[in-house]
Amino acid sequence: MSDSVFKKIEIVGTSSKSFDEATANAVAKASETMSGLSWFEVVELRGAIENGKVKQYQVTVRIGCKVD
C-alpha cells in the first residue's frame, strides 16, 4: 500500500428536505469542480427556522481530496 496525501476543504450543503440531502448536495457540487474526492466528514448540523417551522437543513462538510 502506498502512502497518500490529502487536501481538505470545508463547504456547507443545504436542503429544504433533510440533513442527508444537504450532505449529498454538498458532495455532488464539490465533485463538479474538483477531482480526486476520497472521503467526507460531517462537522456540523444546523438549520434555519421560519414561522416556527424548519425552512432549511444545513450541513458543514469537510471533503478530502487526494493530492497527486
PDB file of N, CA and C in Angstrom:
ATOM      1  N   MET A   1       0.846  -1.181   0.000  1.00  0.00           N
ATOM      2  CA  MET A   1       0.000   0.000   0.000  1.00  0.00           C
ATOM      3  C   MET A   1       0.889   1.240   0.000  1.00  0.00           C
ATOM      4  N   SER A   2       0.626   2.168  -0.901  1.00  0.00           N
ATOM      5  CA  SER A   2       1.430   3.380  -0.970  1.00  0.00           C
ATOM      6  C   SER A   2       0.866   4.464  -0.058  1.00  0.00           C
ATOM      7  N   ASP A   3       1.754   5.359   0.343  1.00  0.00           N
ATOM      8  CA  ASP A   3       1.331   6.483   1.173  1.00  0.00           C
ATOM      9  C   ASP A   3       0.611   7.508   0.314  1.00  0.00           C
ATOM     10  N   SER A   4      -0.301   8.248   0.917  1.00  0.00           N
ATOM     11  CA  SER A   4      -1.070   9.260   0.200  1.00  0.00           C
ATOM     12  C   SER A   4      -1.097  10.557   0.990  1.00  0.00           C
ATOM     13  N   VAL A   5      -1.351  11.631   0.281  1.00  0.00           N
ATOM     14  CA  VAL A   5      -1.522  12.948   0.886  1.00  0.00           C
ATOM     15  C   VAL A   5      -2.868  13.484   0.431  1.00  0.00           C
ATOM     16  N   PHE A   6      -3.595  14.114   1.363  1.00  0.00           N
ATOM     17  CA  PHE A   6      -4.921  14.645   1.061  1.00  0.00           C
ATOM     18  C   PHE A   6      -4.999  16.122   1.414  1.00  0.00           C
ATOM     19  N   LYS A   7      -5.808  16.827   0.667  1.00  0.00           N
ATOM     20  CA  LYS A   7      -6.150  18.213   0.963  1.00  0.00           C
ATOM     21  C   LYS A   7      -7.583  18.197   1.461  1.00  0.00           C
ATOM     22  N   LYS A   8      -7.893  19.034   2.475  1.00  0.00           N
ATOM     23  CA  LYS A   8      -9.262  19.110   2.976  1.00  0.00           C
ATOM     24  C   LYS A   8      -9.858  20.469   2.641  1.00  0.00           C
ATOM     25  N   ILE A   9     -11.117  20.428   2.194  1.00  0.00           N
ATOM     26  CA  ILE A   9     -11.871  21.660   2.015  1.00  0.00           C
ATOM     27  C   ILE A   9     -13.102  21.576   2.907  1.00  0.00           C
ATOM     28  N   GLU A  10     -13.644  22.712   3.263  1.00  0.00           N
ATOM     29  CA  GLU A  10     -14.848  22.737   4.091  1.00  0.00           C
ATOM     30  C   GLU A  10     -15.922  23.530   3.358  1.00  0.00           C
ATOM     31  N   ILE A  11     -17.075  22.909   3.176  1.00  0.00           N
ATOM     32  CA  ILE A  11     -18.186  23.557   2.489  1.00  0.00           C
ATOM     33  C   ILE A  11     -19.475  23.311   3.271  1.00  0.00           C
ATOM     34  N   VAL A  12     -20.510  24.061   2.931  1.00  0.00           N
ATOM     35  CA  VAL A  12     -21.819  23.902   3.566  1.00  0.00           C
ATOM     36  C   VAL A  12     -22.839  23.543   2.498  1.00  0.00           C
ATOM     37  N   GLY A  13     -23.502  22.403   2.678  1.00  0.00           N
ATOM     38  CA  GLY A  13     -24.584  21.994   1.792  1.00  0.00           C
ATOM     39  C   GLY A  13     -25.918  22.309   2.439  1.00  0.00           C
ATOM     40  N   THR A  14     -26.916  22.589   1.615  1.00  0.00           N
ATOM     41  CA  THR A  14     -28.242  22.910   2.142  1.00  0.00           C
ATOM     42  C   THR A  14     -29.313  22.097   1.437  1.00  0.00           C
ATOM     43  N   SER A  15     -30.456  21.977   2.112  1.00  0.00           N
ATOM     44  CA  SER A  15     -31.612  21.285   1.555  1.00  0.00           C
ATOM     45  C   SER A  15     -32.859  21.749   2.293  1.00  0.00           C
ATOM     46  N   SER A  16     -33.960  21.747   1.595  1.00  0.00           N
ATOM     47  CA  SER A  16     -35.237  22.049   2.249  1.00  0.00           C
ATOM     48  C   SER A  16     -35.888  20.777   2.787  1.00  0.00           C
ATOM     49  N   LYS A  17     -35.259  19.604   2.535  1.00  0.00           N
ATOM     50  CA  LYS A  17     -35.874  18.324   2.902  1.00  0.00           C
ATOM     51  C   LYS A  17     -35.220  17.602   4.072  1.00  0.00           C
ATOM     52  N   SER A  18     -33.865  17.504   4.080  1.00  0.00           N
ATOM     53  CA  SER A  18     -33.220  16.691   5.117  1.00  0.00           C
ATOM     54  C   SER A  18     -31.725  16.979   5.216  1.00  0.00           C
ATOM     55  N   PHE A  19     -31.134  16.546   6.345  1.00  0.00           N
ATOM     56  CA  PHE A  19     -29.690  16.636   6.504  1.00  0.00           C
ATOM     57  C   PHE A  19     -28.981  15.717   5.511  1.00  0.00           C
ATOM     58  N   ASP A  20     -29.552  14.540   5.265  1.00  0.00           N
ATOM     59  CA  ASP A  20     -28.959  13.611   4.296  1.00  0.00           C
ATOM     60  C   ASP A  20     -28.865  14.249   2.918  1.00  0.00           C
ATOM     61  N   GLU A  21     -29.933  14.889   2.499  1.00  0.00           N
ATOM     62  CA  GLU A  21     -29.933  15.527   1.177  1.00  0.00           C
ATOM     63  C   GLU A  21     -28.962  16.704   1.142  1.00  0.00           C
ATOM     64  N   ALA A  22     -28.860  17.444   2.226  1.00  0.00           N
ATOM     65  CA  ALA A  22     -27.912  18.559   2.287  1.00  0.00           C
ATOM     66  C   ALA A  22     -26.474  18.049   2.142  1.00  0.00           C
ATOM     67  N   THR A  23     -26.167  16.916   2.777  1.00  0.00           N
ATOM     68  CA  THR A  23     -24.844  16.308   2.655  1.00  0.00           C
ATOM     69  C   THR A  23     -24.584  15.867   1.223  1.00  0.00           C
ATOM     70  N   ALA A  24     -25.554  15.187   0.625  1.00  0.00           N
ATOM     71  CA  ALA A  24     -25.413  14.728  -0.761  1.00  0.00           C
ATOM     72  C   ALA A  24     -25.242  15.910  -1.713  1.00  0.00           C
ATOM     73  N   ASN A  25     -25.960  16.993  -1.474  1.00  0.00           N
ATOM     74  CA  ASN A  25     -25.839  18.182  -2.318  1.00  0.00           C
ATOM     75  C   ASN A  25     -24.436  18.781  -2.234  1.00  0.00           C
ATOM     76  N   ALA A  26     -23.873  18.813  -1.037  1.00  0.00           N
ATOM     77  CA  ALA A  26     -22.520  19.347  -0.857  1.00  0.00           C
ATOM     78  C   ALA A  26     -21.494  18.513  -1.614  1.00  0.00           C
ATOM     79  N   VAL A  27     -21.575  17.201  -1.474  1.00  0.00           N
ATOM     80  CA  VAL A  27     -20.627  16.309  -2.146  1.00  0.00           C
ATOM     81  C   VAL A  27     -20.798  16.387  -3.665  1.00  0.00           C
ATOM     82  N   ALA A  28     -22.032  16.403  -4.138  1.00  0.00           N
ATOM     83  CA  ALA A  28     -22.287  16.468  -5.580  1.00  0.00           C
ATOM     84  C   ALA A  28     -21.739  17.758  -6.178  1.00  0.00           C
ATOM     85  N   LYS A  29     -21.953  18.872  -5.507  1.00  0.00           N
ATOM     86  CA  LYS A  29     -21.472  20.155  -6.023  1.00  0.00           C
ATOM     87  C   LYS A  29     -19.952  20.197  -6.035  1.00  0.00           C
ATOM     88  N   ALA A  30     -19.321  19.693  -4.975  1.00  0.00           N
ATOM     89  CA  ALA A  30     -17.858  19.662  -4.924  1.00  0.00           C
ATOM     90  C   ALA A  30     -17.294  18.812  -6.052  1.00  0.00           C
ATOM     91  N   SER A  31     -17.959  17.707  -6.369  1.00  0.00           N
ATOM     92  CA  SER A  31     -17.461  16.812  -7.422  1.00  0.00           C
ATOM     93  C   SER A  31     -17.560  17.432  -8.813  1.00  0.00           C
ATOM     94  N   GLU A  32     -18.378  18.474  -8.970  1.00  0.00           N
ATOM     95  CA  GLU A  32     -18.478  19.167 -10.263  1.00  0.00           C
ATOM     96  C   GLU A  32     -17.228  19.989 -10.568  1.00  0.00           C
ATOM     97  N   THR A  33     -16.537  20.460  -9.533  1.00  0.00           N
ATOM     98  CA  THR A  33     -15.407  21.360  -9.748  1.00  0.00           C
ATOM     99  C   THR A  33     -14.071  20.803  -9.267  1.00  0.00           C
ATOM    100  N   MET A  34     -14.086  19.679  -8.567  1.00  0.00           N
ATOM    101  CA  MET A  34     -12.854  19.114  -8.029  1.00  0.00           C
ATOM    102  C   MET A  34     -12.727  17.653  -8.431  1.00  0.00           C
ATOM    103  N   SER A  35     -11.497  17.203  -8.537  1.00  0.00           N
ATOM    104  CA  SER A  35     -11.277  15.785  -8.826  1.00  0.00           C
ATOM    105  C   SER A  35     -10.561  15.145  -7.642  1.00  0.00           C
ATOM    106  N   GLY A  36     -10.575  13.836  -7.603  1.00  0.00           N
ATOM    107  CA  GLY A  36      -9.874  13.107  -6.559  1.00  0.00           C
ATOM    108  C   GLY A  36     -10.567  13.090  -5.208  1.00  0.00           C
ATOM    109  N   LEU A  37     -11.882  13.347  -5.186  1.00  0.00           N
ATOM    110  CA  LEU A  37     -12.598  13.304  -3.910  1.00  0.00           C
ATOM    111  C   LEU A  37     -12.530  11.886  -3.355  1.00  0.00           C
ATOM    112  N   SER A  38     -12.169  11.773  -2.075  1.00  0.00           N
ATOM    113  CA  SER A  38     -11.975  10.451  -1.484  1.00  0.00           C
ATOM    114  C   SER A  38     -12.868  10.167  -0.291  1.00  0.00           C
ATOM    115  N   TRP A  39     -13.190  11.165   0.503  1.00  0.00           N
ATOM    116  CA  TRP A  39     -13.982  10.946   1.710  1.00  0.00           C
ATOM    117  C   TRP A  39     -14.611  12.254   2.150  1.00  0.00           C
ATOM    118  N   PHE A  40     -15.580  12.143   3.055  1.00  0.00           N
ATOM    119  CA  PHE A  40     -16.160  13.344   3.655  1.00  0.00           C
ATOM    120  C   PHE A  40     -16.403  13.107   5.137  1.00  0.00           C
ATOM    121  N   GLU A  41     -16.489  14.213   5.862  1.00  0.00           N
ATOM    122  CA  GLU A  41     -16.704  14.183   7.307  1.00  0.00           C
ATOM    123  C   GLU A  41     -17.741  15.261   7.636  1.00  0.00           C
ATOM    124  N   VAL A  42     -18.837  14.878   8.252  1.00  0.00           N
ATOM    125  CA  VAL A  42     -19.846  15.855   8.666  1.00  0.00           C
ATOM    126  C   VAL A  42     -19.353  16.508   9.954  1.00  0.00           C
ATOM    127  N   VAL A  43     -19.209  17.829   9.915  1.00  0.00           N
ATOM    128  CA  VAL A  43     -18.648  18.580  11.026  1.00  0.00           C
ATOM    129  C   VAL A  43     -19.735  19.227  11.877  1.00  0.00           C
ATOM    130  N   GLU A  44     -20.793  19.692  11.231  1.00  0.00           N
ATOM    131  CA  GLU A  44     -21.819  20.440  11.951  1.00  0.00           C
ATOM    132  C   GLU A  44     -23.169  20.293  11.257  1.00  0.00           C
ATOM    133  N   LEU A  45     -24.207  20.181  12.062  1.00  0.00           N
ATOM    134  CA  LEU A  45     -25.585  20.183  11.574  1.00  0.00           C
ATOM    135  C   LEU A  45     -26.278  21.401  12.157  1.00  0.00           C
ATOM    136  N   ARG A  46     -26.993  22.119  11.330  1.00  0.00           N
ATOM    137  CA  ARG A  46     -27.779  23.249  11.813  1.00  0.00           C
ATOM    138  C   ARG A  46     -28.912  23.490  10.830  1.00  0.00           C
ATOM    139  N   GLY A  47     -29.774  24.427  11.141  1.00  0.00           N
ATOM    140  CA  GLY A  47     -30.887  24.700  10.242  1.00  0.00           C
ATOM    141  C   GLY A  47     -31.413  26.103  10.406  1.00  0.00           C
ATOM    142  N   ALA A  48     -32.253  26.472   9.471  1.00  0.00           N
ATOM    143  CA  ALA A  48     -32.913  27.771   9.505  1.00  0.00           C
ATOM    144  C   ALA A  48     -34.386  27.555   9.838  1.00  0.00           C
ATOM    145  N   ILE A  49     -34.931  28.481  10.616  1.00  0.00           N
ATOM    146  CA  ILE A  49     -36.330  28.402  11.048  1.00  0.00           C
ATOM    147  C   ILE A  49     -37.073  29.615  10.508  1.00  0.00           C
ATOM    148  N   GLU A  50     -38.273  29.363  10.021  1.00  0.00           N
ATOM    149  CA  GLU A  50     -39.135  30.452   9.566  1.00  0.00           C
ATOM    150  C   GLU A  50     -40.558  30.182  10.027  1.00  0.00           C
ATOM    151  N   ASN A  51     -41.148  31.133  10.710  1.00  0.00           N
ATOM    152  CA  ASN A  51     -42.516  30.996  11.227  1.00  0.00           C
ATOM    153  C   ASN A  51     -42.701  29.732  12.065  1.00  0.00           C
ATOM    154  N   GLY A  52     -41.696  29.411  12.877  1.00  0.00           N
ATOM    155  CA  GLY A  52     -41.793  28.263  13.770  1.00  0.00           C
ATOM    156  C   GLY A  52     -41.608  26.912  13.109  1.00  0.00           C
ATOM    157  N   LYS A  53     -41.199  26.893  11.846  1.00  0.00           N
ATOM    158  CA  LYS A  53     -41.003  25.624  11.126  1.00  0.00           C
ATOM    159  C   LYS A  53     -39.601  25.581  10.517  1.00  0.00           C
ATOM    160  N   VAL A  54     -39.115  24.357  10.321  1.00  0.00           N
ATOM    161  CA  VAL A  54     -37.811  24.190   9.685  1.00  0.00           C
ATOM    162  C   VAL A  54     -37.918  24.637   8.230  1.00  0.00           C
ATOM    163  N   LYS A  55     -37.096  25.610   7.869  1.00  0.00           N
ATOM    164  CA  LYS A  55     -37.078  26.119   6.496  1.00  0.00           C
ATOM    165  C   LYS A  55     -35.959  25.463   5.688  1.00  0.00           C
ATOM    166  N   GLN A  56     -34.803  25.231   6.349  1.00  0.00           N
ATOM    167  CA  GLN A  56     -33.653  24.721   5.614  1.00  0.00           C
ATOM    168  C   GLN A  56     -32.742  23.923   6.542  1.00  0.00           C
ATOM    169  N   TYR A  57     -32.236  22.807   6.029  1.00  0.00           N
ATOM    170  CA  TYR A  57     -31.242  21.997   6.718  1.00  0.00           C
ATOM    171  C   TYR A  57     -29.874  22.391   6.166  1.00  0.00           C
ATOM    172  N   GLN A  58     -28.904  22.578   7.057  1.00  0.00           N
ATOM    173  CA  GLN A  58     -27.566  22.995   6.655  1.00  0.00           C
ATOM    174  C   GLN A  58     -26.541  22.047   7.267  1.00  0.00           C
ATOM    175  N   VAL A  59     -25.601  21.594   6.452  1.00  0.00           N
ATOM    176  CA  VAL A  59     -24.586  20.641   6.904  1.00  0.00           C
ATOM    177  C   VAL A  59     -23.206  21.153   6.500  1.00  0.00           C
ATOM    178  N   THR A  60     -22.334  21.324   7.484  1.00  0.00           N
ATOM    179  CA  THR A  60     -20.945  21.662   7.190  1.00  0.00           C
ATOM    180  C   THR A  60     -20.193  20.351   6.987  1.00  0.00           C
ATOM    181  N   VAL A  61     -19.509  20.251   5.851  1.00  0.00           N
ATOM    182  CA  VAL A  61     -18.843  19.013   5.452  1.00  0.00           C
ATOM    183  C   VAL A  61     -17.382  19.310   5.116  1.00  0.00           C
ATOM    184  N   ARG A  62     -16.477  18.488   5.632  1.00  0.00           N
ATOM    185  CA  ARG A  62     -15.081  18.525   5.195  1.00  0.00           C
ATOM    186  C   ARG A  62     -14.907  17.408   4.180  1.00  0.00           C
ATOM    187  N   ILE A  63     -14.315  17.742   3.063  1.00  0.00           N
ATOM    188  CA  ILE A  63     -14.108  16.759   2.000  1.00  0.00           C
ATOM    189  C   ILE A  63     -12.613  16.584   1.781  1.00  0.00           C
ATOM    190  N   GLY A  64     -12.184  15.332   1.736  1.00  0.00           N
ATOM    191  CA  GLY A  64     -10.784  15.024   1.492  1.00  0.00           C
ATOM    192  C   GLY A  64     -10.545  14.734   0.025  1.00  0.00           C
ATOM    193  N   CYS A  65      -9.533  15.407  -0.538  1.00  0.00           N
ATOM    194  CA  CYS A  65      -9.174  15.239  -1.949  1.00  0.00           C
ATOM    195  C   CYS A  65      -7.735  14.744  -2.020  1.00  0.00           C
ATOM    196  N   LYS A  66      -7.524  13.689  -2.750  1.00  0.00           N
ATOM    197  CA  LYS A  66      -6.180  13.137  -2.879  1.00  0.00           C
ATOM    198  C   LYS A  66      -5.318  14.072  -3.718  1.00  0.00           C
ATOM    199  N   VAL A  67      -4.124  14.372  -3.198  1.00  0.00           N
ATOM    200  CA  VAL A  67      -3.168  15.211  -3.914  1.00  0.00           C
ATOM    201  C   VAL A  67      -2.262  14.289  -4.718  1.00  0.00           C
ATOM    202  N   ASP A  68      -2.171  14.547  -6.004  1.00  0.00           N
ATOM    203  CA  ASP A  68      -1.336  13.701  -6.878  1.00  0.00           C
ATOM    204  C   ASP A  68       0.138  13.957  -6.665  1.00  0.00           C
TER     205      ASP A  68
END
